[in-house]
């Protein structure tokens, strides 16, 4: 009791086919499949953009850290040269 049996699903399927016809249902299924495929590709593109943005920010952070270290090394070496003279 309370559950939907296999025969009830078969009856509903037969009624739907009789109401809409197989051609219209096939077109509806194709449209639904295209919509799902487009949605998945949009999600994938969004993830790719997010990952590339994270990589870019990580690269920029690494480059700025390297640049800061280079500047401090250059400043330290110039200070040593000045002290020696």
PDB file of N, CA and C in Angstrom:
ATOM      1  N   UNK A   1       0.820  -1.188   0.000  1.00  0.00           N
ATOM      2  CA  UNK A   1       0.000   0.000   0.000  1.00  0.00           C
ATOM      3  C   UNK A   1       0.863   1.251   0.000  1.00  0.00           C
ATOM      4  N   UNK A   2       0.426   2.245  -0.696  1.00  0.00           N
ATOM      5  CA  UNK A   2       1.116   3.525  -0.691  1.00  0.00           C
ATOM      6  C   UNK A   2       2.209   3.637  -1.726  1.00  0.00           C
ATOM      7  N   UNK A   3       2.690   2.531  -2.278  1.00  0.00           N
ATOM      8  CA  UNK A   3       3.757   2.578  -3.267  1.00  0.00           C
ATOM      9  C   UNK A   3       3.188   2.531  -4.676  1.00  0.00           C
ATOM     10  N   UNK A   4       3.984   2.962  -5.616  1.00  0.00           N
ATOM     11  CA  UNK A   4       3.559   2.899  -7.017  1.00  0.00           C
ATOM     12  C   UNK A   4       4.117   1.618  -7.607  1.00  0.00           C
ATOM     13  N   UNK A   5       3.217   0.790  -8.132  1.00  0.00           N
ATOM     14  CA  UNK A   5       3.613  -0.487  -8.702  1.00  0.00           C
ATOM     15  C   UNK A   5       4.015  -0.351 -10.163  1.00  0.00           C
ATOM     16  N   UNK A   6       4.574  -1.416 -10.695  1.00  0.00           N
ATOM     17  CA  UNK A   6       5.024  -1.424 -12.088  1.00  0.00           C
ATOM     18  C   UNK A   6       3.846  -1.273 -13.047  1.00  0.00           C
ATOM     19  N   UNK A   7       2.709  -1.866 -12.717  1.00  0.00           N
ATOM     20  CA  UNK A   7       1.552  -1.775 -13.603  1.00  0.00           C
ATOM     21  C   UNK A   7       0.996  -0.356 -13.650  1.00  0.00           C
ATOM     22  N   UNK A   8       1.059   0.344 -12.551  1.00  0.00           N
ATOM     23  CA  UNK A   8       0.598   1.735 -12.526  1.00  0.00           C
ATOM     24  C   UNK A   8       1.503   2.611 -13.395  1.00  0.00           C
ATOM     25  N   UNK A   9       2.806   2.358 -13.342  1.00  0.00           N
ATOM     26  CA  UNK A   9       3.733   3.109 -14.199  1.00  0.00           C
ATOM     27  C   UNK A   9       3.500   2.808 -15.675  1.00  0.00           C
ATOM     28  N   UNK A  10       3.207   1.560 -15.996  1.00  0.00           N
ATOM     29  CA  UNK A  10       2.942   1.177 -17.387  1.00  0.00           C
ATOM     30  C   UNK A  10       1.680   1.871 -17.885  1.00  0.00           C
ATOM     31  N   UNK A  11       0.668   1.907 -17.076  1.00  0.00           N
ATOM     32  CA  UNK A  11      -0.590   2.565 -17.477  1.00  0.00           C
ATOM     33  C   UNK A  11      -0.367   4.055 -17.704  1.00  0.00           C
ATOM     34  N   UNK A  12       0.390   4.712 -16.822  1.00  0.00           N
ATOM     35  CA  UNK A  12       0.679   6.137 -16.980  1.00  0.00           C
ATOM     36  C   UNK A  12       1.488   6.362 -18.257  1.00  0.00           C
ATOM     37  N   UNK A  13       2.465   5.497 -18.526  1.00  0.00           N
ATOM     38  CA  UNK A  13       3.278   5.634 -19.734  1.00  0.00           C
ATOM     39  C   UNK A  13       2.426   5.488 -20.984  1.00  0.00           C
ATOM     40  N   UNK A  14       1.506   4.544 -21.005  1.00  0.00           N
ATOM     41  CA  UNK A  14       0.627   4.342 -22.164  1.00  0.00           C
ATOM     42  C   UNK A  14      -0.258   5.570 -22.371  1.00  0.00           C
ATOM     43  N   UNK A  15      -0.793   6.119 -21.312  1.00  0.00           N
ATOM     44  CA  UNK A  15      -1.651   7.308 -21.426  1.00  0.00           C
ATOM     45  C   UNK A  15      -0.848   8.486 -21.961  1.00  0.00           C
ATOM     46  N   UNK A  16       0.381   8.675 -21.476  1.00  0.00           N
ATOM     47  CA  UNK A  16       1.217   9.781 -21.944  1.00  0.00           C
ATOM     48  C   UNK A  16       1.534   9.619 -23.426  1.00  0.00           C
ATOM     49  N   UNK A  17       1.857   8.407 -23.861  1.00  0.00           N
ATOM     50  CA  UNK A  17       2.156   8.169 -25.284  1.00  0.00           C
ATOM     51  C   UNK A  17       0.918   8.424 -26.129  1.00  0.00           C
ATOM     52  N   UNK A  18      -0.241   8.018 -25.663  1.00  0.00           N
ATOM     53  CA  UNK A  18      -1.464   8.255 -26.419  1.00  0.00           C
ATOM     54  C   UNK A  18      -1.792   9.742 -26.509  1.00  0.00           C
ATOM     55  N   UNK A  19      -1.552  10.496 -25.451  1.00  0.00           N
ATOM     56  CA  UNK A  19      -1.856  11.927 -25.449  1.00  0.00           C
ATOM     57  C   UNK A  19      -0.903  12.727 -26.333  1.00  0.00           C
ATOM     58  N   UNK A  20       0.402  12.460 -26.197  1.00  0.00           N
ATOM     59  CA  UNK A  20       1.385  13.298 -26.875  1.00  0.00           C
ATOM     60  C   UNK A  20       1.928  12.697 -28.163  1.00  0.00           C
ATOM     61  N   UNK A  21       1.965  11.409 -28.270  1.00  0.00           N
ATOM     62  CA  UNK A  21       2.538  10.774 -29.445  1.00  0.00           C
ATOM     63  C   UNK A  21       4.041  10.583 -29.282  1.00  0.00           C
ATOM     64  N   UNK A  22       4.551   9.605 -30.010  1.00  0.00           N
ATOM     65  CA  UNK A  22       5.964   9.267 -29.846  1.00  0.00           C
ATOM     66  C   UNK A  22       6.881  10.334 -30.422  1.00  0.00           C
ATOM     67  N   UNK A  23       6.478  10.977 -31.517  1.00  0.00           N
ATOM     68  CA  UNK A  23       7.338  11.989 -32.141  1.00  0.00           C
ATOM     69  C   UNK A  23       7.545  13.181 -31.214  1.00  0.00           C
ATOM     70  N   UNK A  24       6.462  13.654 -30.610  1.00  0.00           N
ATOM     71  CA  UNK A  24       6.566  14.802 -29.709  1.00  0.00           C
ATOM     72  C   UNK A  24       7.382  14.443 -28.466  1.00  0.00           C
ATOM     73  N   UNK A  25       7.203  13.226 -27.942  1.00  0.00           N
ATOM     74  CA  UNK A  25       7.978  12.793 -26.783  1.00  0.00           C
ATOM     75  C   UNK A  25       9.461  12.664 -27.131  1.00  0.00           C
ATOM     76  N   UNK A  26       9.776  12.180 -28.339  1.00  0.00           N
ATOM     77  CA  UNK A  26      11.159  12.062 -28.779  1.00  0.00           C
ATOM     78  C   UNK A  26      11.808  13.449 -28.868  1.00  0.00           C
ATOM     79  N   UNK A  27      11.074  14.412 -29.437  1.00  0.00           N
ATOM     80  CA  UNK A  27      11.599  15.778 -29.524  1.00  0.00           C
ATOM     81  C   UNK A  27      11.800  16.388 -28.136  1.00  0.00           C
ATOM     82  N   UNK A  28      10.858  16.124 -27.250  1.00  0.00           N
ATOM     83  CA  UNK A  28      10.961  16.627 -25.883  1.00  0.00           C
ATOM     84  C   UNK A  28      12.174  16.026 -25.177  1.00  0.00           C
ATOM     85  N   UNK A  29      12.396  14.736 -25.384  1.00  0.00           N
ATOM     86  CA  UNK A  29      13.561  14.075 -24.790  1.00  0.00           C
ATOM     87  C   UNK A  29      14.867  14.639 -25.339  1.00  0.00           C
ATOM     88  N   UNK A  30      14.906  14.894 -26.649  1.00  0.00           N
ATOM     89  CA  UNK A  30      16.106  15.481 -27.257  1.00  0.00           C
ATOM     90  C   UNK A  30      16.375  16.880 -26.729  1.00  0.00           C
ATOM     91  N   UNK A  31      15.320  17.674 -26.600  1.00  0.00           N
ATOM     92  CA  UNK A  31      15.481  19.032 -26.062  1.00  0.00           C
ATOM     93  C   UNK A  31      15.953  19.004 -24.612  1.00  0.00           C
ATOM     94  N   UNK A  32      15.405  18.087 -23.853  1.00  0.00           N
ATOM     95  CA  UNK A  32      15.805  17.957 -22.456  1.00  0.00           C
ATOM     96  C   UNK A  32      17.272  17.519 -22.358  1.00  0.00           C
ATOM     97  N   UNK A  33      17.676  16.589 -23.215  1.00  0.00           N
ATOM     98  CA  UNK A  33      19.064  16.141 -23.231  1.00  0.00           C
ATOM     99  C   UNK A  33      20.018  17.263 -23.606  1.00  0.00           C
ATOM    100  N   UNK A  34      19.643  18.080 -24.587  1.00  0.00           N
ATOM    101  CA  UNK A  34      20.475  19.221 -24.986  1.00  0.00           C
ATOM    102  C   UNK A  34      20.603  20.238 -23.860  1.00  0.00           C
ATOM    103  N   UNK A  35      19.512  20.453 -23.156  1.00  0.00           N
ATOM    104  CA  UNK A  35      19.547  21.404 -22.041  1.00  0.00           C
ATOM    105  C   UNK A  35      20.470  20.908 -20.930  1.00  0.00           C
ATOM    106  N   UNK A  36      20.408  19.622 -20.621  1.00  0.00           N
ATOM    107  CA  UNK A  36      21.271  19.058 -19.578  1.00  0.00           C
ATOM    108  C   UNK A  36      22.734  19.130 -20.008  1.00  0.00           C
ATOM    109  N   UNK A  37      23.002  18.832 -21.287  1.00  0.00           N
ATOM    110  CA  UNK A  37      24.377  18.886 -21.792  1.00  0.00           C
ATOM    111  C   UNK A  37      24.915  20.314 -21.734  1.00  0.00           C
ATOM    112  N   UNK A  38      24.107  21.287 -22.106  1.00  0.00           N
ATOM    113  CA  UNK A  38      24.515  22.691 -22.023  1.00  0.00           C
ATOM    114  C   UNK A  38      24.774  23.126 -20.595  1.00  0.00           C
ATOM    115  N   UNK A  39      23.938  22.659 -19.689  1.00  0.00           N
ATOM    116  CA  UNK A  39      24.112  22.995 -18.278  1.00  0.00           C
ATOM    117  C   UNK A  39      25.420  22.421 -17.739  1.00  0.00           C
ATOM    118  N   UNK A  40      25.708  21.169 -18.083  1.00  0.00           N
ATOM    119  CA  UNK A  40      26.951  20.535 -17.625  1.00  0.00           C
ATOM    120  C   UNK A  40      28.174  21.242 -18.191  1.00  0.00           C
ATOM    121  N   UNK A  41      28.114  21.631 -19.468  1.00  0.00           N
ATOM    122  CA  UNK A  41      29.268  22.318 -20.061  1.00  0.00           C
ATOM    123  C   UNK A  41      29.461  23.698 -19.424  1.00  0.00           C
ATOM    124  N   UNK A  42      28.373  24.371 -19.093  1.00  0.00           N
ATOM    125  CA  UNK A  42      28.485  25.678 -18.430  1.00  0.00           C
ATOM    126  C   UNK A  42      29.095  25.527 -17.043  1.00  0.00           C
ATOM    127  N   UNK A  43      28.709  24.491 -16.330  1.00  0.00           N
ATOM    128  CA  UNK A  43      29.285  24.222 -15.009  1.00  0.00           C
ATOM    129  C   UNK A  43      30.776  23.932 -15.152  1.00  0.00           C
ATOM    130  N   UNK A  44      31.146  23.123 -16.165  1.00  0.00           N
ATOM    131  CA  UNK A  44      32.551  22.791 -16.385  1.00  0.00           C
ATOM    132  C   UNK A  44      33.378  24.015 -16.737  1.00  0.00           C
ATOM    133  N   UNK A  45      32.835  24.901 -17.567  1.00  0.00           N
ATOM    134  CA  UNK A  45      33.545  26.131 -17.934  1.00  0.00           C
ATOM    135  C   UNK A  45      33.731  27.018 -16.711  1.00  0.00           C
ATOM    136  N   UNK A  46      32.720  27.072 -15.852  1.00  0.00           N
ATOM    137  CA  UNK A  46      32.815  27.888 -14.638  1.00  0.00           C
ATOM    138  C   UNK A  46      33.915  27.356 -13.725  1.00  0.00           C
ATOM    139  N   UNK A  47      33.996  26.033 -13.593  1.00  0.00           N
ATOM    140  CA  UNK A  47      35.044  25.438 -12.765  1.00  0.00           C
ATOM    141  C   UNK A  47      36.421  25.709 -13.359  1.00  0.00           C
ATOM    142  N   UNK A  48      36.542  25.629 -14.697  1.00  0.00           N
ATOM    143  CA  UNK A  48      37.823  25.896 -15.353  1.00  0.00           C
ATOM    144  C   UNK A  48      38.247  27.350 -15.125  1.00  0.00           C
ATOM    145  N   UNK A  49      37.309  28.275 -15.238  1.00  0.00           N
ATOM    146  CA  UNK A  49      37.630  29.685 -15.031  1.00  0.00           C
ATOM    147  C   UNK A  49      38.052  29.922 -13.581  1.00  0.00           C
ATOM    148  N   UNK A  50      37.389  29.265 -12.651  1.00  0.00           N
ATOM    149  CA  UNK A  50      37.736  29.422 -11.238  1.00  0.00           C
ATOM    150  C   UNK A  50      39.132  28.872 -10.977  1.00  0.00           C
ATOM    151  N   UNK A  51      39.431  27.693 -11.542  1.00  0.00           N
ATOM    152  CA  UNK A  51      40.759  27.104 -11.350  1.00  0.00           C
ATOM    153  C   UNK A  51      41.842  27.957 -11.983  1.00  0.00           C
ATOM    154  N   UNK A  52      41.582  28.496 -13.184  1.00  0.00           N
ATOM    155  CA  UNK A  52      42.596  29.332 -13.839  1.00  0.00           C
ATOM    156  C   UNK A  52      42.794  30.634 -13.067  1.00  0.00           C
ATOM    157  N   UNK A  53      41.725  31.163 -12.487  1.00  0.00           N
ATOM    158  CA  UNK A  53      41.846  32.383 -11.685  1.00  0.00           C
ATOM    159  C   UNK A  53      42.673  32.111 -10.430  1.00  0.00           C
ATOM    160  N   UNK A  54      42.459  30.952  -9.809  1.00  0.00           N
ATOM    161  CA  UNK A  54      43.239  30.598  -8.626  1.00  0.00           C
ATOM    162  C   UNK A  54      44.707  30.413  -8.985  1.00  0.00           C
ATOM    163  N   UNK A  55      44.975  29.757 -10.114  1.00  0.00           N
ATOM    164  CA  UNK A  55      46.360  29.559 -10.546  1.00  0.00           C
ATOM    165  C   UNK A  55      47.032  30.889 -10.833  1.00  0.00           C
ATOM    166  N   UNK A  56      46.292  31.792 -11.478  1.00  0.00           N
ATOM    167  CA  UNK A  56      46.840  33.106 -11.797  1.00  0.00           C
ATOM    168  C   UNK A  56      47.149  33.876 -10.529  1.00  0.00           C
ATOM    169  N   UNK A  57      46.242  33.839  -9.563  1.00  0.00           N
ATOM    170  CA  UNK A  57      46.479  34.561  -8.309  1.00  0.00           C
ATOM    171  C   UNK A  57      47.642  33.934  -7.547  1.00  0.00           C
ATOM    172  N   UNK A  58      47.761  32.603  -7.573  1.00  0.00           N
ATOM    173  CA  UNK A  58      48.891  31.946  -6.917  1.00  0.00           C
ATOM    174  C   UNK A  58      50.200  32.327  -7.595  1.00  0.00           C
ATOM    175  N   UNK A  59      50.197  32.366  -8.930  1.00  0.00           N
ATOM    176  CA  UNK A  59      51.394  32.733  -9.674  1.00  0.00           C
ATOM    177  C   UNK A  59      51.784  34.173  -9.382  1.00  0.00           C
ATOM    178  N   UNK A  60      50.796  35.057  -9.344  1.00  0.00           N
ATOM    179  CA  UNK A  60      51.077  36.462  -9.039  1.00  0.00           C
ATOM    180  C   UNK A  60      51.623  36.606  -7.625  1.00  0.00           C
ATOM    181  N   UNK A  61      51.057  35.855  -6.688  1.00  0.00           N
ATOM    182  CA  UNK A  61      51.537  35.919  -5.313  1.00  0.00           C
ATOM    183  C   UNK A  61      52.969  35.409  -5.225  1.00  0.00           C
ATOM    184  N   UNK A  62      53.274  34.323  -5.935  1.00  0.00           N
ATOM    185  CA  UNK A  62      54.633  33.787  -5.939  1.00  0.00           C
ATOM    186  C   UNK A  62      55.596  34.773  -6.576  1.00  0.00           C
ATOM    187  N   UNK A  63      55.169  35.381  -7.683  1.00  0.00           N
ATOM    188  CA  UNK A  63      56.028  36.346  -8.372  1.00  0.00           C
ATOM    189  C   UNK A  63      56.279  37.575  -7.506  1.00  0.00           C
ATOM    190  N   UNK A  64      55.258  38.045  -6.808  1.00  0.00           N
ATOM    191  CA  UNK A  64      55.450  39.231  -5.968  1.00  0.00           C
ATOM    192  C   UNK A  64      56.359  38.903  -4.798  1.00  0.00           C
ATOM    193  N   UNK A  65      56.253  37.693  -4.254  1.00  0.00           N
ATOM    194  CA  UNK A  65      57.140  37.274  -3.173  1.00  0.00           C
ATOM    195  C   UNK A  65      58.570  37.184  -3.680  1.00  0.00           C
ATOM    196  N   UNK A  66      58.754  36.627  -4.868  1.00  0.00           N
ATOM    197  CA  UNK A  66      60.092  36.517  -5.456  1.00  0.00           C
ATOM    198  C   UNK A  66      60.662  37.889  -5.741  1.00  0.00           C
ATOM    199  N   UNK A  67      59.832  38.771  -6.254  1.00  0.00           N
ATOM    200  CA  UNK A  67      60.284  40.126  -6.562  1.00  0.00           C
ATOM    201  C   UNK A  67      60.688  40.859  -5.281  1.00  0.00           C
ATOM    202  N   UNK A  68      59.930  40.673  -4.220  1.00  0.00           N
ATOM    203  CA  UNK A  68      60.251  41.305  -2.939  1.00  0.00           C
ATOM    204  C   UNK A  68      61.568  40.764  -2.399  1.00  0.00           C
ATOM    205  N   UNK A  69      61.763  39.459  -2.520  1.00  0.00           N
ATOM    206  CA  UNK A  69      63.015  38.855  -2.066  1.00  0.00           C
ATOM    207  C   UNK A  69      64.193  39.365  -2.895  1.00  0.00           C
ATOM    208  N   UNK A  70      63.997  39.490  -4.219  1.00  0.00           N
ATOM    209  CA  UNK A  70      65.056  39.993  -5.097  1.00  0.00           C
ATOM    210  C   UNK A  70      65.429  41.422  -4.724  1.00  0.00           C
ATOM    211  N   UNK A  71      64.422  42.239  -4.455  1.00  0.00           N
ATOM    212  CA  UNK A  71      64.669  43.635  -4.092  1.00  0.00           C
ATOM    213  C   UNK A  71      65.424  43.695  -2.771  1.00  0.00           C
ATOM    214  N   UNK A  72      65.030  42.880  -1.798  1.00  0.00           N
ATOM    215  CA  UNK A  72      65.708  42.905  -0.501  1.00  0.00           C
ATOM    216  C   UNK A  72      67.140  42.391  -0.630  1.00  0.00           C
ATOM    217  N   UNK A  73      67.376  41.396  -1.498  1.00  0.00           N
ATOM    218  CA  UNK A  73      68.740  40.900  -1.720  1.00  0.00           C
ATOM    219  C   UNK A  73      69.593  41.971  -2.378  1.00  0.00           C
ATOM    220  N   UNK A  74      69.019  42.648  -3.370  1.00  0.00           N
ATOM    221  CA  UNK A  74      69.756  43.699  -4.063  1.00  0.00           C
ATOM    222  C   UNK A  74      70.076  44.834  -3.111  1.00  0.00           C
ATOM    223  N   UNK A  75      69.130  45.203  -2.285  1.00  0.00           N
ATOM    224  CA  UNK A  75      69.337  46.276  -1.311  1.00  0.00           C
ATOM    225  C   UNK A  75      70.407  45.864  -0.302  1.00  0.00           C
ATOM    226  N   UNK A  76      70.382  44.628   0.134  1.00  0.00           N
ATOM    227  CA  UNK A  76      71.367  44.146   1.108  1.00  0.00           C
ATOM    228  C   UNK A  76      72.767  44.142   0.486  1.00  0.00           C
ATOM    229  N   UNK A  77      72.866  43.706  -0.772  1.00  0.00           N
ATOM    230  CA  UNK A  77      74.191  43.674  -1.407  1.00  0.00           C
ATOM    231  C   UNK A  77      74.714  45.091  -1.631  1.00  0.00           C
ATOM    232  N   UNK A  78      73.848  46.026  -1.974  1.00  0.00           N
ATOM    233  CA  UNK A  78      74.282  47.411  -2.146  1.00  0.00           C
ATOM    234  C   UNK A  78      74.720  47.997  -0.824  1.00  0.00           C
ATOM    235  N   UNK A  79      74.008  47.624   0.246  1.00  0.00           N
ATOM    236  CA  UNK A  79      74.388  48.122   1.569  1.00  0.00           C
ATOM    237  C   UNK A  79      75.747  47.581   1.964  1.00  0.00           C
ATOM    238  N   UNK A  80      76.033  46.329   1.674  1.00  0.00           N
ATOM    239  CA  UNK A  80      77.331  45.728   1.981  1.00  0.00           C
ATOM    240  C   UNK A  80      78.436  46.401   1.192  1.00  0.00           C
ATOM    241  N   UNK A  81      78.175  46.699  -0.092  1.00  0.00           N
ATOM    242  CA  UNK A  81      79.172  47.383  -0.925  1.00  0.00           C
ATOM    243  C   UNK A  81      79.468  48.779  -0.371  1.00  0.00           C
ATOM    244  N   UNK A  82      78.419  49.461   0.055  1.00  0.00           N
ATOM    245  CA  UNK A  82      78.586  50.808   0.587  1.00  0.00           C
ATOM    246  C   UNK A  82      79.371  50.755   1.899  1.00  0.00           C
ATOM    247  N   UNK A  83      79.109  49.759   2.745  1.00  0.00           N
ATOM    248  CA  UNK A  83      79.810  49.620   4.018  1.00  0.00           C
ATOM    249  C   UNK A  83      81.280  49.306   3.795  1.00  0.00           C
ATOM    250  N   UNK A  84      81.578  48.544   2.750  1.00  0.00           N
ATOM    251  CA  UNK A  84      82.961  48.162   2.482  1.00  0.00           C
ATOM    252  C   UNK A  84      83.768  49.333   1.941  1.00  0.00           C
ATOM    253  N   UNK A  85      83.132  50.233   1.238  1.00  0.00           N
ATOM    254  CA  UNK A  85      83.834  51.364   0.629  1.00  0.00           C
ATOM    255  C   UNK A  85      84.089  52.382   1.659  1.00  0.00           C
TER     256      UNK A  85
END
